[in-house]
Amino acid sequence: MEACYSQDKFNISSSRVTFLVIISFQAFAGMWINAFVVSVLCIGLVKKKTFNSNEKILLFLGCSRFWFLCFIWVYNFLEIIYPCFFNVHPIPELSAAFQSFFHSSNLWVSACLCIFYCIKIANFRYIFFIYLKAKIDRMVPWLLLGSVLLSLVISILSYNFIDQTDGNNSTKFGKFWKFDLRTDQQFFPLFFISGLEFATAFLAVNLSALPLLFSLWRHKRKMQTNSEKTLSMDANIKAIKSVLAFLVIYTINFTCLVLTLIYVTKNESHLVFLILAFQYAFPALHSLILIFSNPKLEKALLKTLHCVKGKVCMR
């Protein structure tokens, strides 16, 4: 094992080093952003002794993304610097299971947040929608529990798929520069399930974000017709921009996830490096959007940056 590690140190290509640098920057920036969100919410919990439904989802999402980025950085660091580490059973199986769990959790909790905003903010007169609006606060814990259970199921399936293959192929899972045709065929069921999951989450986000955008836009047009220039209208425009930004980056993330499933078997490592770089930027970018669309988080961030700037200037 030591000989393998020493050999690996001299077989690291410049593209992999560049990828590791990019991933490290994204991971640590995203971890800081999500740790900030979690800390602000926890401080608020100490003061208020309670969480509202929105804060529950944000707290869960922040924790999930923090550990997701932490694991992704450790995984890619070991895979690039010490690839022989993944030759030991059951490390390939566990790494695939953890990656699947965090990926799935990130997707579904983001979708839950979008669904919550749609039901809570949008204004439709349908009976079923009014019923959901009255019950959504009670449904939030169940939505989060469902996201965890679904992510757990996906991770167990990933573990079993990797465990059922021979040892040689199992160590190649996740190492997108070493796939062969036989591996591609063996992992097709796993790729199919992952693609179905990505498509379902993407559909849920679109079915929530688009009606929310329509409702916000209709409300904005109504205020413009009545010549209303109030803080409510500014907040409405800000909400529209936030939802649009989220929809755009979620679409990019979904596209990257699908492209990863397609090109992971094509031995085009440089293209997959680029796709993964865009994919791993999603947790940090979306969390930034959430911060600037939440007055409490935005105020805390500006206050923190002001304090940091003041200390730097004093030095």
Protein backbone atom coordinates (compact mmCIF):
# COMPACT_ATOMS: atom_id res chain seq x y z
CA MET A 1 0.00 0.00 0.00
CA GLU A 2 2.81 2.43 0.85
CA ALA A 3 4.52 1.65 -2.45
CA CYS A 4 1.27 2.32 -4.26
CA TYR A 5 0.85 5.65 -2.46
CA SER A 6 4.38 6.72 -3.35
CA GLN A 7 3.79 5.77 -6.98
CA ASP A 8 0.50 7.70 -7.07
CA LYS A 9 2.28 10.90 -6.05
CA PHE A 10 4.22 10.86 -9.32
CA ASN A 11 1.25 9.95 -11.54
CA ILE A 12 -0.92 13.01 -10.93
CA SER A 13 -1.69 14.88 -14.14
CA SER A 14 -1.90 18.66 -14.29
CA SER A 15 -5.61 18.47 -15.21
CA ARG A 16 -6.38 16.53 -12.03
CA VAL A 17 -4.41 18.99 -9.92
CA THR A 18 -6.29 21.88 -11.53
CA PHE A 19 -9.57 20.12 -10.88
CA LEU A 20 -8.60 19.54 -7.24
CA VAL A 21 -7.73 23.23 -6.80
CA ILE A 22 -11.08 24.29 -8.28
CA ILE A 23 -13.00 21.79 -6.19
CA SER A 24 -11.13 22.87 -3.05
CA PHE A 25 -12.05 26.51 -3.63
CA GLN A 26 -15.70 25.64 -4.30
CA ALA A 27 -15.93 23.26 -1.37
CA PHE A 28 -14.42 25.57 1.25
CA ALA A 29 -16.38 28.59 -0.02
CA GLY A 30 -19.61 26.56 0.01
CA MET A 31 -18.87 25.13 3.44
CA TRP A 32 -18.29 28.62 4.84
CA ILE A 33 -21.51 29.94 3.28
CA ASN A 34 -23.66 27.07 4.55
CA ALA A 35 -21.97 27.09 7.97
CA PHE A 36 -22.87 30.79 8.15
CA VAL A 37 -26.53 30.01 7.36
CA VAL A 38 -26.65 27.27 10.01
CA SER A 39 -24.95 29.44 12.64
CA VAL A 40 -27.32 32.39 12.08
CA LEU A 41 -30.35 30.11 12.32
CA CYS A 42 -29.02 28.42 15.48
CA ILE A 43 -28.37 31.80 17.11
CA GLY A 44 -31.94 32.75 16.22
CA LEU A 45 -33.16 29.51 17.79
CA VAL A 46 -31.33 30.32 21.05
CA LYS A 47 -33.01 33.74 21.12
CA LYS A 48 -36.53 32.76 20.01
CA LYS A 49 -36.57 29.18 21.35
CA THR A 50 -38.44 28.12 18.19
CA PHE A 51 -38.10 27.63 14.42
CA ASN A 52 -40.65 28.47 11.74
CA SER A 53 -41.12 26.09 8.81
CA ASN A 54 -38.90 28.08 6.46
CA GLU A 55 -36.05 28.07 8.96
CA LYS A 56 -36.39 24.32 9.50
CA ILE A 57 -35.87 23.65 5.79
CA LEU A 58 -33.01 26.15 5.57
CA LEU A 59 -31.28 24.61 8.60
CA PHE A 60 -31.62 21.10 7.20
CA LEU A 61 -30.45 22.25 3.77
CA GLY A 62 -27.46 24.12 5.23
CA CYS A 63 -26.33 21.11 7.27
CA SER A 64 -26.83 18.75 4.34
CA ARG A 65 -24.81 20.93 1.98
CA PHE A 66 -22.02 21.49 4.48
CA TRP A 67 -21.43 17.74 4.89
CA PHE A 68 -21.98 17.17 1.16
CA LEU A 69 -19.19 19.60 0.25
CA CYS A 70 -16.97 18.28 3.04
CA PHE A 71 -17.33 14.70 1.78
CA ILE A 72 -16.92 15.72 -1.88
CA TRP A 73 -13.63 17.46 -1.11
CA VAL A 74 -12.24 14.55 0.94
CA TYR A 75 -13.38 12.05 -1.71
CA ASN A 76 -11.82 13.92 -4.63
CA PHE A 77 -8.63 14.64 -2.68
CA LEU A 78 -8.11 10.96 -1.89
CA GLU A 79 -9.17 9.82 -5.36
CA ILE A 80 -6.70 12.13 -7.09
CA ILE A 81 -3.79 12.04 -4.64
CA TYR A 82 -4.15 8.49 -3.27
CA PRO A 83 -6.34 6.46 -5.70
CA CYS A 84 -5.09 3.18 -4.19
CA PHE A 85 -7.09 4.09 -1.09
CA PHE A 86 -10.20 2.96 -2.99
CA ASN A 87 -8.82 -0.53 -3.60
CA VAL A 88 -9.73 -1.55 -0.05
CA HIS A 89 -13.14 -3.14 0.51
CA PRO A 90 -15.69 -1.69 1.42
CA ILE A 91 -14.40 1.85 0.77
CA PRO A 92 -15.66 2.00 -2.87
CA GLU A 93 -19.11 0.84 -1.78
CA LEU A 94 -19.28 3.27 1.15
CA SER A 95 -18.01 6.21 -0.91
CA ALA A 96 -20.65 5.52 -3.61
CA ALA A 97 -23.37 5.24 -0.94
CA PHE A 98 -22.37 8.51 0.78
CA GLN A 99 -22.11 10.36 -2.53
CA SER A 100 -25.56 9.14 -3.56
CA PHE A 101 -27.07 10.08 -0.19
CA PHE A 102 -25.66 13.62 -0.18
CA HIS A 103 -26.48 14.22 -3.85
CA SER A 104 -30.04 13.01 -3.37
CA SER A 105 -30.50 14.93 -0.12
CA ASN A 106 -29.24 18.13 -1.73
CA LEU A 107 -31.63 17.77 -4.66
CA TRP A 108 -34.74 16.84 -2.70
CA VAL A 109 -34.41 19.35 0.14
CA SER A 110 -33.89 22.10 -2.47
CA ALA A 111 -37.04 20.87 -4.19
CA CYS A 112 -38.90 20.84 -0.84
CA LEU A 113 -37.88 24.46 -0.23
CA CYS A 114 -39.18 25.46 -3.66
CA ILE A 115 -42.46 23.60 -3.06
CA PHE A 116 -42.81 25.28 0.34
CA TYR A 117 -42.28 28.77 -1.14
CA CYS A 118 -44.78 28.07 -3.91
CA ILE A 119 -47.53 26.97 -1.55
CA LYS A 120 -46.77 29.63 1.06
CA ILE A 121 -46.33 32.66 -1.25
CA ALA A 122 -48.33 31.97 -4.42
CA ASN A 123 -51.92 33.18 -4.46
CA PHE A 124 -54.31 30.83 -6.23
CA ARG A 125 -57.99 30.25 -5.51
CA TYR A 126 -58.09 26.52 -6.13
CA ILE A 127 -59.60 24.53 -3.23
CA PHE A 128 -56.76 22.00 -3.12
CA PHE A 129 -54.15 24.78 -3.15
CA ILE A 130 -55.92 26.61 -0.30
CA TYR A 131 -55.98 23.33 1.64
CA LEU A 132 -52.23 22.86 1.12
CA LYS A 133 -51.55 26.44 2.19
CA ALA A 134 -53.33 25.77 5.48
CA LYS A 135 -51.52 22.46 6.07
CA ILE A 136 -48.03 23.19 4.69
CA ASP A 137 -46.45 24.02 8.06
CA ARG A 138 -47.47 20.63 9.43
CA MET A 139 -46.26 18.93 6.25
CA VAL A 140 -42.71 20.33 6.39
CA PRO A 141 -41.32 17.74 8.88
CA TRP A 142 -42.81 14.96 6.75
CA LEU A 143 -41.32 16.43 3.57
CA LEU A 144 -37.89 16.52 5.21
CA LEU A 145 -38.31 12.99 6.56
CA GLY A 146 -39.37 11.80 3.12
CA SER A 147 -36.29 13.42 1.57
CA VAL A 148 -34.02 11.65 4.06
CA LEU A 149 -35.69 8.27 3.56
CA LEU A 150 -35.59 8.58 -0.23
CA SER A 151 -31.93 9.58 -0.11
CA LEU A 152 -31.24 6.64 2.18
CA VAL A 153 -32.93 4.24 -0.25
CA ILE A 154 -30.86 5.59 -3.14
CA SER A 155 -27.64 5.25 -1.12
CA ILE A 156 -28.47 1.64 -0.18
CA LEU A 157 -29.16 0.81 -3.83
CA SER A 158 -25.83 2.39 -4.78
CA TYR A 159 -23.99 0.36 -2.15
CA ASN A 160 -25.63 -2.88 -3.30
CA PHE A 161 -24.91 -2.21 -6.98
CA ILE A 162 -21.23 -1.59 -6.28
CA ASP A 163 -21.00 -4.52 -3.89
CA GLN A 164 -22.50 -6.94 -6.43
CA THR A 165 -19.84 -6.21 -9.05
CA ASP A 166 -16.42 -7.81 -9.02
CA GLY A 167 -13.68 -6.07 -7.03
CA ASN A 168 -11.91 -4.75 -10.11
CA ASN A 169 -14.94 -2.92 -11.41
CA SER A 170 -16.06 -1.70 -8.00
CA THR A 171 -12.85 0.20 -7.51
CA LYS A 172 -13.47 1.93 -10.82
CA PHE A 173 -16.80 3.38 -9.85
CA GLY A 174 -16.46 7.12 -9.53
CA LYS A 175 -13.13 7.11 -11.40
CA PHE A 176 -14.57 8.38 -14.63
CA TRP A 177 -11.28 8.00 -16.53
CA LYS A 178 -11.24 4.19 -16.06
CA PHE A 179 -14.68 2.95 -17.13
CA ASP A 180 -15.05 0.28 -19.79
CA LEU A 181 -18.03 -1.03 -21.76
CA ARG A 182 -18.69 -3.97 -19.43
CA THR A 183 -18.77 -1.61 -16.43
CA ASP A 184 -21.16 0.67 -18.30
CA GLN A 185 -23.57 -2.23 -18.87
CA GLN A 186 -23.33 -3.44 -15.28
CA PHE A 187 -24.11 -0.02 -13.84
CA PHE A 188 -26.92 0.80 -16.26
CA PRO A 189 -29.66 0.06 -13.64
CA LEU A 190 -27.95 2.43 -11.19
CA PHE A 191 -27.63 5.12 -13.87
CA PHE A 192 -31.28 4.64 -14.82
CA ILE A 193 -32.48 5.01 -11.21
CA SER A 194 -30.26 8.08 -10.71
CA GLY A 195 -31.54 9.66 -13.92
CA LEU A 196 -35.14 9.00 -12.90
CA GLU A 197 -34.49 10.60 -9.52
CA PHE A 198 -32.87 13.68 -11.10
CA ALA A 199 -35.75 14.06 -13.56
CA THR A 200 -38.40 13.72 -10.81
CA ALA A 201 -36.73 16.34 -8.60
CA PHE A 202 -36.31 18.67 -11.60
CA LEU A 203 -39.99 18.23 -12.51
CA ALA A 204 -41.04 18.98 -8.92
CA VAL A 205 -38.98 22.18 -8.93
CA ASN A 206 -40.44 23.35 -12.25
CA LEU A 207 -44.00 22.56 -11.19
CA SER A 208 -43.39 24.72 -8.10
CA ALA A 209 -41.21 27.52 -9.44
CA LEU A 210 -43.18 28.31 -12.60
CA PRO A 211 -46.57 28.78 -10.84
CA LEU A 212 -44.80 30.83 -8.16
CA LEU A 213 -43.25 33.07 -10.83
CA PHE A 214 -46.64 33.45 -12.52
CA SER A 215 -48.30 34.43 -9.23
CA LEU A 216 -45.56 36.93 -8.33
CA TRP A 217 -45.60 38.44 -11.82
CA ARG A 218 -49.41 38.77 -11.76
CA HIS A 219 -49.22 40.48 -8.37
CA LYS A 220 -46.51 42.83 -9.68
CA ARG A 221 -48.63 43.78 -12.72
CA LYS A 222 -51.60 44.43 -10.43
CA MET A 223 -49.56 46.80 -8.25
CA GLN A 224 -48.23 48.59 -11.34
CA THR A 225 -51.77 49.01 -12.65
CA ASN A 226 -52.78 50.57 -9.34
CA SER A 227 -49.64 52.78 -9.48
CA GLU A 228 -48.39 51.36 -6.18
CA LYS A 229 -44.72 52.08 -5.42
CA THR A 230 -44.22 50.50 -2.06
CA LEU A 231 -41.76 48.29 -0.23
CA SER A 232 -44.11 45.41 -1.03
CA MET A 233 -43.51 45.88 -4.74
CA ASP A 234 -39.73 45.98 -4.25
CA ALA A 235 -39.93 42.78 -2.23
CA ASN A 236 -42.05 41.23 -4.98
CA ILE A 237 -39.49 42.09 -7.67
CA LYS A 238 -36.68 40.75 -5.47
CA ALA A 239 -38.59 37.49 -4.99
CA ILE A 240 -39.08 37.14 -8.75
CA LYS A 241 -35.35 37.59 -9.35
CA SER A 242 -34.50 35.07 -6.63
CA VAL A 243 -36.85 32.40 -8.01
CA LEU A 244 -35.59 32.99 -11.56
CA ALA A 245 -31.97 32.70 -10.41
CA PHE A 246 -32.74 29.49 -8.53
CA LEU A 247 -34.54 28.00 -11.52
CA VAL A 248 -31.62 28.82 -13.82
CA ILE A 249 -28.91 27.32 -11.61
CA TYR A 250 -31.09 24.30 -10.75
CA THR A 251 -31.56 23.70 -14.49
CA ILE A 252 -27.80 23.97 -15.02
CA ASN A 253 -27.22 21.57 -12.13
CA PHE A 254 -29.74 19.09 -13.55
CA THR A 255 -28.08 19.30 -16.96
CA CYS A 256 -24.68 18.65 -15.37
CA LEU A 257 -26.03 15.64 -13.48
CA VAL A 258 -27.44 14.15 -16.69
CA LEU A 259 -24.24 14.88 -18.63
CA THR A 260 -22.23 13.21 -15.87
CA LEU A 261 -24.27 10.02 -16.33
CA ILE A 262 -23.72 10.20 -20.10
CA TYR A 263 -20.03 11.06 -20.27
CA VAL A 264 -18.85 9.12 -17.22
CA THR A 265 -18.30 6.11 -19.51
CA LYS A 266 -16.81 7.96 -22.49
CA ASN A 267 -13.24 8.36 -21.19
CA GLU A 268 -13.46 12.12 -21.73
CA SER A 269 -12.05 13.11 -18.36
CA HIS A 270 -11.47 16.79 -19.19
CA LEU A 271 -15.13 17.26 -20.13
CA VAL A 272 -16.29 15.45 -16.99
CA PHE A 273 -13.94 17.63 -14.90
CA LEU A 274 -15.68 20.71 -16.30
CA ILE A 275 -19.16 19.26 -15.74
CA LEU A 276 -18.38 18.33 -12.14
CA ALA A 277 -16.93 21.79 -11.48
CA PHE A 278 -20.24 23.38 -12.54
CA GLN A 279 -22.18 20.78 -10.59
CA TYR A 280 -20.30 21.32 -7.33
CA ALA A 281 -20.82 25.09 -7.59
CA PHE A 282 -24.59 24.67 -7.18
CA PRO A 283 -24.72 24.33 -3.34
CA ALA A 284 -22.74 27.54 -2.78
CA LEU A 285 -24.56 29.59 -5.44
CA HIS A 286 -28.03 28.55 -4.30
CA SER A 287 -27.17 29.22 -0.66
CA LEU A 288 -25.99 32.72 -1.62
CA ILE A 289 -29.32 33.33 -3.37
CA LEU A 290 -31.14 32.16 -0.24
CA ILE A 291 -29.06 34.52 1.92
CA PHE A 292 -29.77 37.60 -0.21
CA SER A 293 -33.47 36.72 -0.51
CA ASN A 294 -33.85 36.35 3.27
CA PRO A 295 -33.75 39.69 5.16
CA LYS A 296 -32.52 38.08 8.38
CA LEU A 297 -29.64 36.22 6.70
CA GLU A 298 -28.75 39.16 4.47
CA LYS A 299 -28.60 41.53 7.43
CA ALA A 300 -26.40 39.10 9.38
CA LEU A 301 -24.06 38.66 6.39
CA LEU A 302 -23.68 42.40 5.81
CA LYS A 303 -23.04 42.90 9.52
CA THR A 304 -20.40 40.16 9.50
CA LEU A 305 -18.67 41.57 6.42
CA HIS A 306 -18.73 45.05 7.95
CA CYS A 307 -17.07 43.74 11.13
CA VAL A 308 -14.44 41.86 9.13
CA LYS A 309 -13.76 44.94 7.00
CA GLY A 310 -13.41 47.09 10.12
CA LYS A 311 -10.90 44.71 11.70
CA VAL A 312 -8.87 44.56 8.48
CA CYS A 313 -8.80 48.36 8.23
CA MET A 314 -7.70 48.66 11.85
CA ARG A 315 -4.67 46.48 11.09
